Protein backbone atom coordinates (compact mmCIF):
# COMPACT_ATOMS: atom_id res chain seq x y z
CA MET A 1 10.51 31.05 61.18
CA ALA A 2 8.56 29.88 58.23
CA SER A 3 7.63 33.61 57.58
CA LYS A 4 9.25 35.55 54.13
CA VAL A 5 12.15 37.25 54.82
CA THR A 6 11.42 41.04 53.41
CA LEU A 7 14.15 43.31 52.19
CA LYS A 8 12.65 45.77 55.38
CA GLU A 9 13.85 42.96 57.69
CA LEU A 10 17.29 42.91 56.08
CA VAL A 11 17.82 46.43 56.23
CA GLY A 12 16.37 46.74 59.77
CA THR A 13 19.12 44.01 61.14
CA LYS A 14 22.03 46.30 60.13
CA ILE A 15 21.26 48.35 63.06
CA ILE A 16 21.88 45.55 65.12
CA TYR A 17 25.22 45.27 63.45
CA ALA A 18 25.87 48.97 63.79
CA VAL A 19 25.05 48.53 67.80
CA LEU A 20 27.44 45.83 67.86
CA LEU A 21 30.19 47.92 66.18
CA VAL A 22 29.93 50.53 68.93
CA CYS A 23 29.68 47.80 71.84
CA TYR A 24 33.01 46.73 70.39
CA TYR A 25 34.79 49.76 69.87
CA TRP A 26 33.73 51.07 73.83
CA MET A 27 35.21 47.73 74.82
CA TRP A 28 38.39 48.34 72.59
CA ALA A 29 38.63 51.91 73.43
CA ARG A 30 37.48 52.53 77.08
CA ARG A 31 40.52 53.42 79.48
CA ASP A 32 39.08 52.36 82.63
CA TRP A 33 38.09 48.98 84.23
CA HIS A 34 35.12 47.94 86.29
CA ASN A 35 33.95 43.95 87.45
CA TYR A 36 31.07 44.23 85.45
CA TYR A 37 32.72 45.11 82.06
CA GLU A 38 33.36 41.53 81.65
CA THR A 39 30.10 40.38 82.10
CA ILE A 40 29.04 42.69 79.58
CA GLN A 41 32.08 41.67 77.00
CA ASN A 42 30.70 38.15 77.34
CA ILE A 43 27.01 38.89 76.90
CA VAL A 44 28.01 40.99 74.06
CA ALA A 45 30.09 37.98 72.63
CA VAL A 46 27.48 35.45 73.03
CA PHE A 47 24.87 37.76 71.49
CA THR A 48 27.01 38.34 68.44
CA VAL A 49 27.59 34.45 67.75
CA VAL A 50 24.00 33.63 68.06
CA PHE A 51 22.45 36.60 65.91
CA PHE A 52 25.42 35.82 63.25
CA ALA A 53 24.08 32.27 63.12
CA LEU A 54 20.38 33.23 63.00
CA GLN A 55 21.02 35.91 60.44
CA ALA A 56 23.29 33.65 58.15
CA ASN A 57 20.09 31.67 57.93
CA ARG A 58 17.87 34.41 57.18
CA ILE A 59 20.17 35.84 54.53
CA ARG A 60 20.44 32.15 53.10
CA LYS A 61 16.42 32.09 52.82
CA TYR A 62 16.12 35.50 51.45
CA SER A 63 18.60 34.73 48.46
CA LYS A 64 16.41 31.94 47.48
CA GLU A 65 13.24 34.09 47.47
CA GLU A 66 12.08 36.31 44.45
CA LYS A 67 13.15 40.03 44.97
CA ASP A 68 11.10 42.94 44.80
CA GLU A 69 12.29 45.10 42.31
CA LEU A 70 10.87 48.34 43.75
CA ALA A 71 12.64 48.10 47.09
CA VAL A 72 15.71 46.86 45.61
CA ARG A 73 15.83 50.23 43.61
CA ASN A 74 14.44 52.05 47.03
CA LEU A 75 17.49 50.53 48.70
CA ARG A 76 19.87 52.00 46.25
CA ARG A 77 18.31 55.21 46.41
CA VAL A 78 18.86 55.31 50.10
CA ASP A 79 22.07 53.93 50.16
CA ALA A 80 23.29 56.83 47.55
CA ILE A 81 21.78 59.58 50.15
CA GLY A 82 23.81 57.64 52.83
CA TRP A 83 27.18 57.57 51.21
CA LYS A 84 26.81 61.32 50.91
CA LEU A 85 25.83 61.79 54.20
CA LEU A 86 28.67 59.75 55.47
CA VAL A 87 31.48 61.61 53.32
CA ALA A 88 29.84 65.10 54.63
CA ALA A 89 30.16 63.19 58.30
CA ASP A 90 33.56 62.12 57.66
CA ILE A 91 35.04 65.59 56.19
CA VAL A 92 33.55 67.27 59.59
CA ILE A 93 35.00 64.59 61.72
CA ALA A 94 38.82 64.98 59.77
CA PHE A 95 38.56 68.66 60.21
CA GLY A 96 37.55 68.53 64.05
CA CYS A 97 40.80 66.13 64.06
CA ALA A 98 43.09 68.66 62.24
CA VAL A 99 42.22 71.43 64.27
CA THR A 100 42.85 69.21 67.00
CA PHE A 101 39.41 69.31 69.49
CA LEU A 102 39.21 65.66 68.58
CA ASP A 103 41.68 62.92 69.66
CA GLY A 104 42.20 59.47 68.07
CA ARG A 105 39.73 58.31 70.39
CA MET A 106 37.04 60.45 70.34
CA ALA A 107 37.54 60.62 66.63
CA GLY A 108 36.51 56.35 66.80
CA TYR A 109 33.58 57.24 68.94
CA ALA A 110 32.37 59.89 66.19
CA LEU A 111 32.74 57.50 63.58
CA VAL A 112 31.10 54.61 64.96
CA SER A 113 28.19 57.11 66.34
CA VAL A 114 27.99 58.31 62.82
CA ILE A 115 27.60 54.93 61.51
CA LEU A 116 24.82 53.88 64.09
CA ALA A 117 23.25 57.26 63.51
CA LEU A 118 23.17 56.63 59.17
CA THR A 119 22.12 53.02 59.86
CA VAL A 120 18.97 54.30 61.85
CA ILE A 121 18.31 56.94 59.07
CA ARG A 122 18.95 54.26 56.26
CA PHE A 123 16.25 52.31 57.87
CA VAL A 124 13.61 54.87 58.31
CA LEU A 125 14.49 55.97 55.04
CA PHE A 126 13.94 52.99 53.21
CA CYS A 127 10.69 52.35 55.07
CA VAL A 128 9.20 55.57 54.13
CA MET A 129 10.21 55.09 50.53
CA ASP A 130 9.12 51.91 50.40
CA ARG A 131 5.73 52.52 51.86
CA THR A 132 5.15 55.18 49.57
CA GLY A 133 6.04 53.39 46.41
CA ILE A 134 8.39 56.22 45.11
């Protein structure tokens, strides 16, 4: 991997973190069991270890490179937008729990789904802002 590590790459890999979070929550919160679940769990665990090792190397390499100031500012703007969306989604989920049409397990699924959706939205917004140079 001799290529330069970009901030876009690091933001994009956060989607994989969110997918792993959804997978792990599914493993913890499910109420049934099938024989192939063990295979899925093992595959996810091995992928997580390998991905974290490769990602640690990329992050270490990125920390030694010169930063793109415009990209960092755009990422901060996108993070502020994402934070506001997350707060709004959490309020909706909390209200759903308060009026009892969501139990704890379903609220957890809603939360990890919101995290996954916001990670994708964050990446798309960052790419658009970075491309247009806002």
